Amino acid sequence: MRDKITVIGSLNYDIILKTPRLPYQGETLPVDKASFSAGGKGANQAVQAAKLGIETYMVGCVGTDTLGDFLIQTAKSYGVHTRYVRRANGISGMGIVNAIEDGSVHASIVRGANFEVTKADIDAVIPLLEESEIVILQMEIPMHVIEYAINKANEAGCKVILNAAPAAEIAEEYLSKIDILVVNEVEAEFYVGTPIDSVEKAKVEIDKLTKSFGINSIFTLGKDGAVVAENGVIEFIPAKKVDAVETTGAGDSYIGAIGYALLQGNNLIEASKFATKCSAITVCRYGAQPSMPTLKEIKD
């Protein structure tokens, strides 16, 4: 029985600065609060799936530093299997996140060990892929490894979710090999070549994109919600109205929840409605992984 999710991607040590605004050039701006947490798009998505009760495996690299110890132990504490997280020489990936009081986020990423992931790391998990229903990928590891992982996941019969973030060039042949593409409005603009500045525009462009590659897709639109294209049906799913305190990890929470809901037999539109509830809880708390809800919290 295929009942596992394998996430192939990044693990980062996040430093989150809560600040009223970004500093101006030459200005030293005191921040209101600093916090530290495990992050990285890959690890975040794995943690959310695991917190919802799915057997989830993380594939990636951390450094030989103490940050790497922290990242592995934190993922384990949330129930993620980390046996395929390799220790690579050098520093672990890092994220410096400016969380502005209006809820917006500005982040800089140190790639570190995330760019030490190799094709050999993918080969090592082929037996795991053969037991996994879903493979989730993002764009914070080398592109040639992402493309190789898509091929191997296809060969293993996995459903492939690609979170094309941060947006980067990827050969069209690989887009046609995935099952579900998930991007936010900024990333969507990169791939469709025009701004996604309204729900109607998102509907038009997602229809073109999905038909071009024969895949399903989701454009997340922040506080507005998401537009989902599944087998020719396009639906807008509005966001839940909540008092957001920080949006770090909201998109990753959404994707981890999509994986969970698909494994429960939901279609993509139903899965997106569930994921919307999940990310609505995440944005009401600080930090990425600590803020992600359990299944009980969503049901309550």
Protein backbone atom coordinates (compact mmCIF):
# COMPACT_ATOMS: atom_id res chain seq x y z
CA MET A 1 0.00 0.00 0.00
CA ARG A 2 1.38 3.40 -0.99
CA ASP A 3 0.72 5.55 2.06
CA LYS A 4 3.86 7.67 2.36
CA ILE A 5 4.94 11.15 1.26
CA THR A 6 8.54 11.78 0.29
CA VAL A 7 9.72 15.38 0.30
CA ILE A 8 12.94 16.13 -1.58
CA GLY A 9 14.29 19.59 -0.87
CA SER A 10 15.76 22.13 1.49
CA LEU A 11 16.33 22.43 5.22
CA ASN A 12 17.17 25.89 6.57
CA TYR A 13 17.85 27.46 9.95
CA ASP A 14 15.56 30.49 10.04
CA ILE A 15 16.27 33.73 11.88
CA ILE A 16 13.01 35.67 12.00
CA LEU A 17 13.09 39.39 12.72
CA LYS A 18 9.76 40.97 13.68
CA THR A 19 10.04 44.58 12.55
CA PRO A 20 7.71 47.48 11.72
CA ARG A 21 9.31 47.94 8.31
CA LEU A 22 12.47 47.27 6.31
CA PRO A 23 15.44 49.53 7.10
CA TYR A 24 16.36 52.26 4.67
CA GLN A 25 19.80 52.27 3.03
CA GLY A 26 22.40 53.21 5.63
CA GLU A 27 19.93 52.90 8.51
CA THR A 28 20.32 50.62 11.53
CA LEU A 29 16.77 49.72 12.52
CA PRO A 30 16.02 48.08 15.89
CA VAL A 31 13.70 45.09 15.60
CA ASP A 32 10.84 44.38 17.94
CA LYS A 33 11.56 40.68 18.36
CA ALA A 34 13.86 37.93 17.08
CA SER A 35 13.11 34.23 16.98
CA PHE A 36 14.82 31.16 15.63
CA SER A 37 13.29 28.08 14.08
CA ALA A 38 13.83 25.24 11.65
CA GLY A 39 12.69 26.04 8.12
CA GLY A 40 13.41 25.55 4.45
CA LYS A 41 10.57 24.89 2.03
CA GLY A 42 11.24 21.17 1.92
CA ALA A 43 11.46 20.62 5.66
CA ASN A 44 8.44 22.86 6.29
CA GLN A 45 6.28 20.90 3.86
CA ALA A 46 7.44 17.61 5.35
CA VAL A 47 6.69 18.80 8.88
CA GLN A 48 3.16 19.86 7.96
CA ALA A 49 2.39 16.51 6.35
CA ALA A 50 3.84 14.69 9.37
CA LYS A 51 1.89 16.84 11.84
CA LEU A 52 -1.28 15.82 10.01
CA GLY A 53 -0.42 12.18 10.61
CA ILE A 54 1.12 11.08 7.31
CA GLU A 55 4.27 8.91 7.29
CA THR A 56 6.63 11.47 5.77
CA TYR A 57 10.26 11.15 4.70
CA MET A 58 12.66 14.04 4.15
CA VAL A 59 15.46 13.81 1.57
CA GLY A 60 18.12 16.53 1.57
CA CYS A 61 21.36 17.75 3.07
CA VAL A 62 22.43 19.73 6.14
CA GLY A 63 25.91 20.86 7.10
CA THR A 64 28.27 19.43 9.68
CA ASP A 65 27.58 22.41 11.96
CA THR A 66 25.38 22.60 15.05
CA LEU A 67 22.61 24.06 12.92
CA GLY A 68 22.47 20.76 11.06
CA ASP A 69 21.98 18.94 14.37
CA PHE A 70 19.14 21.30 15.21
CA LEU A 71 17.43 20.88 11.85
CA ILE A 72 17.48 17.09 11.99
CA GLN A 73 16.33 16.90 15.61
CA THR A 74 13.52 19.39 15.04
CA ALA A 75 12.19 17.52 12.01
CA LYS A 76 12.31 14.28 14.03
CA SER A 77 10.43 15.90 16.89
CA TYR A 78 7.51 16.57 14.52
CA GLY A 79 7.49 12.98 13.29
CA VAL A 80 9.45 13.37 10.03
CA HIS A 81 11.71 10.44 9.09
CA THR A 82 15.21 11.89 8.59
CA ARG A 83 17.32 8.84 7.76
CA TYR A 84 17.79 10.23 4.21
CA VAL A 85 18.98 13.65 5.35
CA ARG A 86 22.72 13.54 4.62
CA ARG A 87 25.41 15.50 6.44
CA ALA A 88 27.52 17.43 3.90
CA ASN A 89 30.72 19.33 4.58
CA GLY A 90 30.22 23.02 5.27
CA ILE A 91 27.37 25.10 6.65
CA SER A 92 23.67 24.33 6.72
CA GLY A 93 21.19 26.38 4.75
CA MET A 94 19.91 29.52 6.45
CA GLY A 95 17.00 31.91 6.02
CA ILE A 96 16.98 35.51 7.25
CA VAL A 97 13.35 36.54 7.44
CA ASN A 98 12.06 40.08 7.98
CA ALA A 99 8.47 39.71 9.17
CA ILE A 100 6.83 43.13 8.77
CA GLU A 101 4.00 44.10 11.10
CA ASP A 102 1.55 44.33 8.17
CA GLY A 103 1.97 40.56 7.72
CA SER A 104 4.31 40.68 4.70
CA VAL A 105 7.57 38.76 4.62
CA HIS A 106 10.96 39.56 3.06
CA ALA A 107 13.45 36.69 3.12
CA SER A 108 17.05 36.05 2.08
CA ILE A 109 18.39 32.51 1.77
CA VAL A 110 21.88 31.06 2.25
CA ARG A 111 21.93 27.90 0.11
CA GLY A 112 24.63 26.13 2.11
CA ALA A 113 24.34 22.35 2.23
CA ASN A 114 21.09 22.40 0.25
CA PHE A 115 23.17 22.71 -2.91
CA GLU A 116 25.16 19.60 -1.98
CA VAL A 117 22.18 17.35 -2.81
CA THR A 118 23.17 15.04 -5.68
CA LYS A 119 21.67 12.50 -8.05
CA ALA A 120 23.23 9.82 -5.82
CA ASP A 121 20.99 11.03 -2.99
CA ILE A 122 17.99 10.41 -5.25
CA ASP A 123 19.26 6.98 -6.29
CA ALA A 124 19.56 6.06 -2.60
CA VAL A 125 15.84 6.58 -2.04
CA ILE A 126 14.42 4.74 -5.07
CA PRO A 127 13.06 1.92 -2.83
CA LEU A 128 11.33 4.63 -0.76
CA LEU A 129 9.85 6.22 -3.89
CA GLU A 130 8.37 2.85 -4.80
CA GLU A 131 6.50 2.91 -1.46
CA SER A 132 5.42 6.57 -1.71
CA GLU A 133 2.18 7.82 -3.20
CA ILE A 134 3.37 11.42 -3.46
CA VAL A 135 6.72 13.14 -4.01
CA ILE A 136 6.94 16.85 -3.23
CA LEU A 137 9.71 19.03 -4.71
CA GLN A 138 10.65 22.71 -4.55
CA MET A 139 13.38 24.85 -6.14
CA GLU A 140 15.91 25.25 -3.29
CA ILE A 141 18.22 22.42 -4.40
CA PRO A 142 20.17 22.14 -7.71
CA MET A 143 17.94 22.13 -10.80
CA HIS A 144 19.60 19.11 -12.40
CA VAL A 145 18.80 17.14 -9.24
CA ILE A 146 15.18 18.32 -9.31
CA GLU A 147 14.85 17.18 -12.93
CA TYR A 148 16.48 13.83 -12.11
CA ALA A 149 14.14 13.37 -9.14
CA ILE A 150 11.11 14.04 -11.36
CA ASN A 151 12.25 11.30 -13.73
CA LYS A 152 12.87 8.81 -10.92
CA ALA A 153 9.54 9.62 -9.26
CA ASN A 154 7.80 9.05 -12.60
CA GLU A 155 9.54 5.70 -13.00
CA ALA A 156 8.47 4.72 -9.49
CA GLY A 157 4.85 5.59 -10.22
CA CYS A 158 4.59 8.51 -7.78
CA LYS A 159 2.31 11.50 -8.06
CA VAL A 160 4.65 14.52 -8.31
CA ILE A 161 3.86 17.91 -6.78
CA LEU A 162 6.29 20.65 -7.81
CA ASN A 163 6.28 23.84 -5.77
CA ALA A 164 8.22 25.97 -8.25
CA ALA A 165 9.59 28.31 -5.61
CA PRO A 166 11.67 30.32 -5.81
CA ALA A 167 10.84 30.61 -9.50
CA ALA A 168 13.62 29.44 -11.82
CA GLU A 169 13.99 28.20 -15.36
CA ILE A 170 13.09 24.54 -15.77
CA ALA A 171 12.92 22.63 -19.03
CA GLU A 172 9.36 22.33 -20.33
CA GLU A 173 9.71 18.57 -20.69
CA TYR A 174 9.91 18.30 -16.90
CA LEU A 175 6.88 20.48 -16.32
CA SER A 176 4.93 18.07 -18.48
CA LYS A 177 6.12 15.16 -16.31
CA ILE A 178 4.74 16.48 -13.03
CA ASP A 179 1.15 16.05 -11.85
CA ILE A 180 0.55 19.27 -9.91
CA LEU A 181 2.31 22.63 -10.12
CA VAL A 182 1.91 25.01 -7.17
CA VAL A 183 3.08 28.62 -7.40
CA ASN A 184 2.18 31.93 -5.78
CA GLU A 185 1.26 34.99 -7.82
CA VAL A 186 4.88 36.20 -8.13
CA GLU A 187 6.13 32.81 -9.27
CA ALA A 188 3.15 32.40 -11.59
CA GLU A 189 4.08 35.68 -13.31
CA PHE A 190 7.56 34.27 -13.95
CA TYR A 191 6.14 31.23 -15.73
CA VAL A 192 3.25 32.80 -17.64
CA GLY A 193 5.01 36.07 -18.49
CA THR A 194 2.30 38.45 -17.30
CA PRO A 195 1.33 39.88 -13.87
CA ILE A 196 -1.26 37.93 -11.88
CA ASP A 197 -3.03 40.94 -10.40
CA SER A 198 -6.59 39.64 -10.03
CA VAL A 199 -8.52 36.43 -9.54
CA GLU A 200 -9.89 36.66 -13.10
CA LYS A 201 -6.38 37.05 -14.52
CA ALA A 202 -5.27 34.04 -12.48
CA LYS A 203 -8.12 31.96 -13.92
CA VAL A 204 -7.21 32.88 -17.50
CA GLU A 205 -3.50 32.22 -17.10
CA ILE A 206 -3.81 29.02 -15.09
CA ASP A 207 -6.09 27.63 -17.79
CA LYS A 208 -3.47 28.35 -20.46
CA LEU A 209 -0.63 26.91 -18.40
CA THR A 210 -2.34 23.68 -17.43
CA LYS A 211 -3.54 23.02 -20.96
CA SER A 212 -0.05 23.66 -22.34
CA PHE A 213 1.56 20.99 -20.16
CA GLY A 214 -1.36 18.64 -19.51
CA ILE A 215 -1.09 19.02 -15.74
CA ASN A 216 -3.14 20.33 -12.82
CA SER A 217 -2.09 23.51 -11.05
CA ILE A 218 -2.69 25.89 -8.16
CA PHE A 219 -1.98 29.62 -8.10
CA THR A 220 -1.98 30.81 -4.49
CA LEU A 221 -2.94 34.45 -4.12
CA GLY A 222 -2.02 35.26 -0.53
CA LYS A 223 -4.81 36.77 1.52
CA ASP A 224 -7.21 36.47 -1.43
CA GLY A 225 -7.10 32.67 -1.61
CA ALA A 226 -6.17 30.36 -4.48
CA VAL A 227 -7.20 29.43 -8.00
CA VAL A 228 -7.17 25.70 -8.74
CA ALA A 229 -7.20 24.04 -12.17
CA GLU A 230 -8.03 20.35 -12.14
CA ASN A 231 -8.83 18.35 -15.27
CA GLY A 232 -10.17 21.42 -17.09
CA VAL A 233 -12.23 22.69 -14.13
CA ILE A 234 -11.12 26.01 -12.67
CA GLU A 235 -12.25 27.11 -9.23
CA PHE A 236 -11.45 30.04 -6.97
CA ILE A 237 -11.15 29.14 -3.29
CA PRO A 238 -11.23 32.23 -1.06
CA ALA A 239 -8.91 32.45 1.93
CA LYS A 240 -10.27 32.26 5.46
CA LYS A 241 -10.57 35.66 7.12
CA VAL A 242 -8.17 35.63 10.07
CA ASP A 243 -5.97 38.09 11.95
CA ALA A 244 -2.60 37.14 10.47
CA VAL A 245 0.48 37.85 12.55
CA GLU A 246 3.09 36.33 10.22
CA THR A 247 2.88 34.55 6.87
CA THR A 248 6.19 32.65 7.14
CA GLY A 249 5.57 29.05 6.19
CA ALA A 250 1.95 29.58 5.13
CA GLY A 251 2.59 28.38 1.58
CA ASP A 252 4.52 25.37 2.85
CA SER A 253 1.73 24.54 5.29
CA TYR A 254 -0.68 24.68 2.36
CA ILE A 255 1.37 22.27 0.26
CA GLY A 256 1.94 19.80 3.07
CA ALA A 257 -1.81 19.83 3.66
CA ILE A 258 -2.48 19.27 -0.05
CA GLY A 259 -0.36 16.13 0.14
CA TYR A 260 -2.26 14.90 3.19
CA ALA A 261 -5.69 15.53 1.66
CA LEU A 262 -4.81 13.84 -1.64
CA LEU A 263 -3.71 10.75 0.28
CA GLN A 264 -7.13 10.69 1.93
CA GLY A 265 -8.70 10.31 -1.52
CA ASN A 266 -9.75 13.92 -2.07
CA ASN A 267 -9.51 15.53 -5.49
CA LEU A 268 -7.31 18.60 -5.87
CA ILE A 269 -10.11 21.13 -5.40
CA GLU A 270 -11.26 19.43 -2.19
CA ALA A 271 -7.65 19.16 -1.05
CA SER A 272 -7.16 22.88 -1.64
CA LYS A 273 -10.16 23.72 0.54
CA PHE A 274 -8.66 21.66 3.36
CA ALA A 275 -5.23 23.25 2.82
CA THR A 276 -6.80 26.72 3.05
CA LYS A 277 -8.00 25.91 6.57
CA CYS A 278 -4.56 24.60 7.46
CA SER A 279 -2.64 27.67 6.30
CA ALA A 280 -5.19 29.99 7.97
CA ILE A 281 -4.11 28.58 11.34
CA THR A 282 -0.42 28.83 10.43
CA VAL A 283 -0.54 32.58 9.73
CA CYS A 284 -2.02 33.26 13.17
CA ARG A 285 1.18 32.14 14.89
CA TYR A 286 4.89 32.98 14.75
CA GLY A 287 7.50 30.77 13.08
CA ALA A 288 7.04 28.27 10.30
CA GLN A 289 7.10 24.73 11.67
CA PRO A 290 5.90 25.54 15.22
CA SER A 291 2.87 27.36 13.82
CA MET A 292 1.68 24.52 11.59
CA PRO A 293 -1.46 22.78 12.90
CA THR A 294 -2.15 19.17 13.75
CA LEU A 295 -5.18 17.39 12.34
CA LYS A 296 -6.96 17.76 15.70
CA GLU A 297 -6.48 21.54 15.64
CA ILE A 298 -8.01 21.78 12.18
CA LYS A 299 -10.99 19.63 13.16
CA ASP A 300 -11.52 21.69 16.32
